[in-house]
Amino acid sequence: MKIVEHSVRRWESYPGADTETCLWEVGVEHEGEYYEVRMEAREVGADKMYYMGYIRNTRCIKAYFSDGWLGFGFSDIRGTCKYILRSMRKVIRGDYSSIRGAGHSVDMP
């Protein structure tokens, strides 16, 4: 598994907001398949962030999920993104055991 491209964008959560959102867009290659991955970080107070992750649900995802992007993370879990990255790595390696419903991971830290 390797990152073949990436970019980072930042913007205000809404015009005039005192918080920012940061989006890391990544292209990952694994066993000849290309995965579009996104990691979103949002400020939610003094030195606190919450993270959400997404993998585009394309033909390289070998199970059927109705959402266009598989979702990872929960907005009420703050200060860590490692559990999201671990869960995304599982899915890229073909383990969908934590994905439920239309396409959201239930993994927790």
C-alpha atoms as a PDB file:
ATOM      1  CA  MET A   1       0.000   0.000   0.000  1.00  0.00           C
ATOM      2  CA  LYS A   2       1.452   3.354  -0.968  1.00  0.00           C
ATOM      3  CA  ILE A   3       0.361   6.958  -1.307  1.00  0.00           C
ATOM      4  CA  VAL A   4       0.740   8.003  -4.934  1.00  0.00           C
ATOM      5  CA  GLU A   5      -0.603  11.569  -4.662  1.00  0.00           C
ATOM      6  CA  HIS A   6      -2.033  13.923  -2.058  1.00  0.00           C
ATOM      7  CA  SER A   7      -3.149  17.488  -1.438  1.00  0.00           C
ATOM      8  CA  VAL A   8      -4.332  19.559   1.522  1.00  0.00           C
ATOM      9  CA  ARG A   9      -6.955  22.309   1.519  1.00  0.00           C
ATOM     10  CA  ARG A  10      -8.126  24.565   4.345  1.00  0.00           C
ATOM     11  CA  TRP A  11     -11.201  26.758   4.565  1.00  0.00           C
ATOM     12  CA  GLU A  12     -13.350  28.502   7.130  1.00  0.00           C
ATOM     13  CA  SER A  13     -16.221  26.349   8.376  1.00  0.00           C
ATOM     14  CA  TYR A  14     -18.553  29.142   7.237  1.00  0.00           C
ATOM     15  CA  PRO A  15     -17.979  32.806   6.297  1.00  0.00           C
ATOM     16  CA  GLY A  16     -16.648  34.704   9.293  1.00  0.00           C
ATOM     17  CA  ALA A  17     -16.134  31.567  11.384  1.00  0.00           C
ATOM     18  CA  ASP A  18     -13.309  31.351  13.887  1.00  0.00           C
ATOM     19  CA  THR A  19     -12.785  27.654  13.119  1.00  0.00           C
ATOM     20  CA  GLU A  20     -11.274  25.967  10.090  1.00  0.00           C
ATOM     21  CA  THR A  21     -11.738  22.700   8.286  1.00  0.00           C
ATOM     22  CA  CYS A  22      -8.819  20.913   6.690  1.00  0.00           C
ATOM     23  CA  LEU A  23      -9.206  18.280   3.984  1.00  0.00           C
ATOM     24  CA  TRP A  24      -6.423  15.853   3.066  1.00  0.00           C
ATOM     25  CA  GLU A  25      -7.116  14.159  -0.267  1.00  0.00           C
ATOM     26  CA  VAL A  26      -5.013  11.089  -0.972  1.00  0.00           C
ATOM     27  CA  GLY A  27      -4.591   8.616  -3.801  1.00  0.00           C
ATOM     28  CA  VAL A  28      -3.614   5.187  -2.476  1.00  0.00           C
ATOM     29  CA  GLU A  29      -2.496   2.258  -4.569  1.00  0.00           C
ATOM     30  CA  HIS A  30      -2.815  -1.287  -3.235  1.00  0.00           C
ATOM     31  CA  GLU A  31      -2.371  -4.481  -5.250  1.00  0.00           C
ATOM     32  CA  GLY A  32      -2.939  -2.676  -8.526  1.00  0.00           C
ATOM     33  CA  GLU A  33      -6.120  -0.908  -7.386  1.00  0.00           C
ATOM     34  CA  TYR A  34      -6.437   2.850  -6.893  1.00  0.00           C
ATOM     35  CA  TYR A  35      -8.400   4.214  -3.915  1.00  0.00           C
ATOM     36  CA  GLU A  36      -9.549   7.802  -3.413  1.00  0.00           C
ATOM     37  CA  VAL A  37      -9.239   8.643   0.268  1.00  0.00           C
ATOM     38  CA  ARG A  38     -10.206  11.787   2.182  1.00  0.00           C
ATOM     39  CA  MET A  39      -9.482  12.798   5.740  1.00  0.00           C
ATOM     40  CA  GLU A  40     -11.333  15.785   7.183  1.00  0.00           C
ATOM     41  CA  ALA A  41     -10.233  17.604  10.339  1.00  0.00           C
ATOM     42  CA  ARG A  42     -12.487  20.176  11.976  1.00  0.00           C
ATOM     43  CA  GLU A  43     -11.861  22.396  14.981  1.00  0.00           C
ATOM     44  CA  VAL A  44     -14.484  22.051  17.706  1.00  0.00           C
ATOM     45  CA  GLY A  45     -13.074  24.203  20.474  1.00  0.00           C
ATOM     46  CA  ALA A  46      -9.881  25.085  22.260  1.00  0.00           C
ATOM     47  CA  ASP A  47      -7.205  22.731  20.887  1.00  0.00           C
ATOM     48  CA  LYS A  48      -9.754  20.046  20.013  1.00  0.00           C
ATOM     49  CA  MET A  49     -10.343  18.513  16.603  1.00  0.00           C
ATOM     50  CA  TYR A  50     -12.594  15.812  15.307  1.00  0.00           C
ATOM     51  CA  TYR A  51     -11.795  13.731  12.271  1.00  0.00           C
ATOM     52  CA  MET A  52     -13.824  11.989   9.623  1.00  0.00           C
ATOM     53  CA  GLY A  53     -12.470   9.733   6.896  1.00  0.00           C
ATOM     54  CA  TYR A  54     -13.880   8.632   3.556  1.00  0.00           C
ATOM     55  CA  ILE A  55     -13.017   6.141   0.813  1.00  0.00           C
ATOM     56  CA  ARG A  56     -14.764   6.495  -2.539  1.00  0.00           C
ATOM     57  CA  ASN A  57     -16.982   3.469  -3.093  1.00  0.00           C
ATOM     58  CA  THR A  58     -15.772   2.336  -6.534  1.00  0.00           C
ATOM     59  CA  ARG A  59     -15.260  -0.995  -8.284  1.00  0.00           C
ATOM     60  CA  CYS A  60     -12.148  -1.638  -6.160  1.00  0.00           C
ATOM     61  CA  ILE A  61     -14.419  -2.068  -3.097  1.00  0.00           C
ATOM     62  CA  LYS A  62     -15.351  -5.748  -3.412  1.00  0.00           C
ATOM     63  CA  ALA A  63     -18.566  -5.563  -1.343  1.00  0.00           C
ATOM     64  CA  TYR A  64     -21.726  -3.611  -2.134  1.00  0.00           C
ATOM     65  CA  PHE A  65     -22.546  -0.467  -0.139  1.00  0.00           C
ATOM     66  CA  SER A  66     -25.119   2.051  -1.379  1.00  0.00           C
ATOM     67  CA  ASP A  67     -23.314   5.236  -0.259  1.00  0.00           C
ATOM     68  CA  GLY A  68     -20.934   6.860  -2.739  1.00  0.00           C
ATOM     69  CA  TRP A  69     -18.283   7.252  -0.033  1.00  0.00           C
ATOM     70  CA  LEU A  70     -17.613   4.834   2.819  1.00  0.00           C
ATOM     71  CA  GLY A  71     -17.509   6.808   6.071  1.00  0.00           C
ATOM     72  CA  PHE A  72     -15.134   6.429   9.017  1.00  0.00           C
ATOM     73  CA  GLY A  73     -15.151   8.136  12.401  1.00  0.00           C
ATOM     74  CA  PHE A  74     -17.623   9.926  14.624  1.00  0.00           C
ATOM     75  CA  SER A  75     -17.869  13.655  15.352  1.00  0.00           C
ATOM     76  CA  ASP A  76     -18.169  13.061  19.113  1.00  0.00           C
ATOM     77  CA  ILE A  77     -14.750  11.317  19.294  1.00  0.00           C
ATOM     78  CA  ARG A  78     -12.173  14.062  19.505  1.00  0.00           C
ATOM     79  CA  GLY A  79      -8.426  14.344  19.462  1.00  0.00           C
ATOM     80  CA  THR A  80      -7.479  11.182  17.555  1.00  0.00           C
ATOM     81  CA  CYS A  81      -7.567   9.961  13.996  1.00  0.00           C
ATOM     82  CA  LYS A  82      -5.483   6.778  14.339  1.00  0.00           C
ATOM     83  CA  TYR A  83      -8.548   4.550  14.684  1.00  0.00           C
ATOM     84  CA  ILE A  84      -9.919   5.969  11.436  1.00  0.00           C
ATOM     85  CA  LEU A  85      -6.683   5.356   9.553  1.00  0.00           C
ATOM     86  CA  ARG A  86      -6.500   1.786  10.896  1.00  0.00           C
ATOM     87  CA  SER A  87     -10.088   1.107   9.850  1.00  0.00           C
ATOM     88  CA  MET A  88      -9.497   2.571   6.390  1.00  0.00           C
ATOM     89  CA  ARG A  89      -6.415   0.374   5.984  1.00  0.00           C
ATOM     90  CA  LYS A  90      -8.541  -2.696   6.853  1.00  0.00           C
ATOM     91  CA  VAL A  91     -11.049  -1.839   4.136  1.00  0.00           C
ATOM     92  CA  ILE A  92      -8.354  -1.209   1.522  1.00  0.00           C
ATOM     93  CA  ARG A  93      -6.909  -4.625   2.371  1.00  0.00           C
ATOM     94  CA  GLY A  94     -10.346  -6.182   1.772  1.00  0.00           C
ATOM     95  CA  ASP A  95     -11.736  -6.570   5.326  1.00  0.00           C
ATOM     96  CA  TYR A  96     -15.272  -5.102   5.368  1.00  0.00           C
ATOM     97  CA  SER A  97     -16.279  -6.643   8.709  1.00  0.00           C
ATOM     98  CA  SER A  98     -16.623  -3.229  10.404  1.00  0.00           C
ATOM     99  CA  ILE A  99     -18.683  -1.586   7.657  1.00  0.00           C
ATOM    100  CA  ARG A 100     -22.405  -1.453   8.398  1.00  0.00           C
ATOM    101  CA  GLY A 101     -25.551  -0.252   6.695  1.00  0.00           C
ATOM    102  CA  ALA A 102     -25.124   1.915   3.634  1.00  0.00           C
ATOM    103  CA  GLY A 103     -21.360   2.176   4.219  1.00  0.00           C
ATOM    104  CA  HIS A 104     -20.125   3.461   7.590  1.00  0.00           C
ATOM    105  CA  SER A 105     -17.421   1.952   9.773  1.00  0.00           C
ATOM    106  CA  VAL A 106     -18.339   1.142  13.360  1.00  0.00           C
ATOM    107  CA  ASP A 107     -14.713   0.888  14.540  1.00  0.00           C
ATOM    108  CA  MET A 108     -13.937   2.901  17.663  1.00  0.00           C
ATOM    109  CA  PRO A 109     -10.661   3.912  19.345  1.00  0.00           C
END
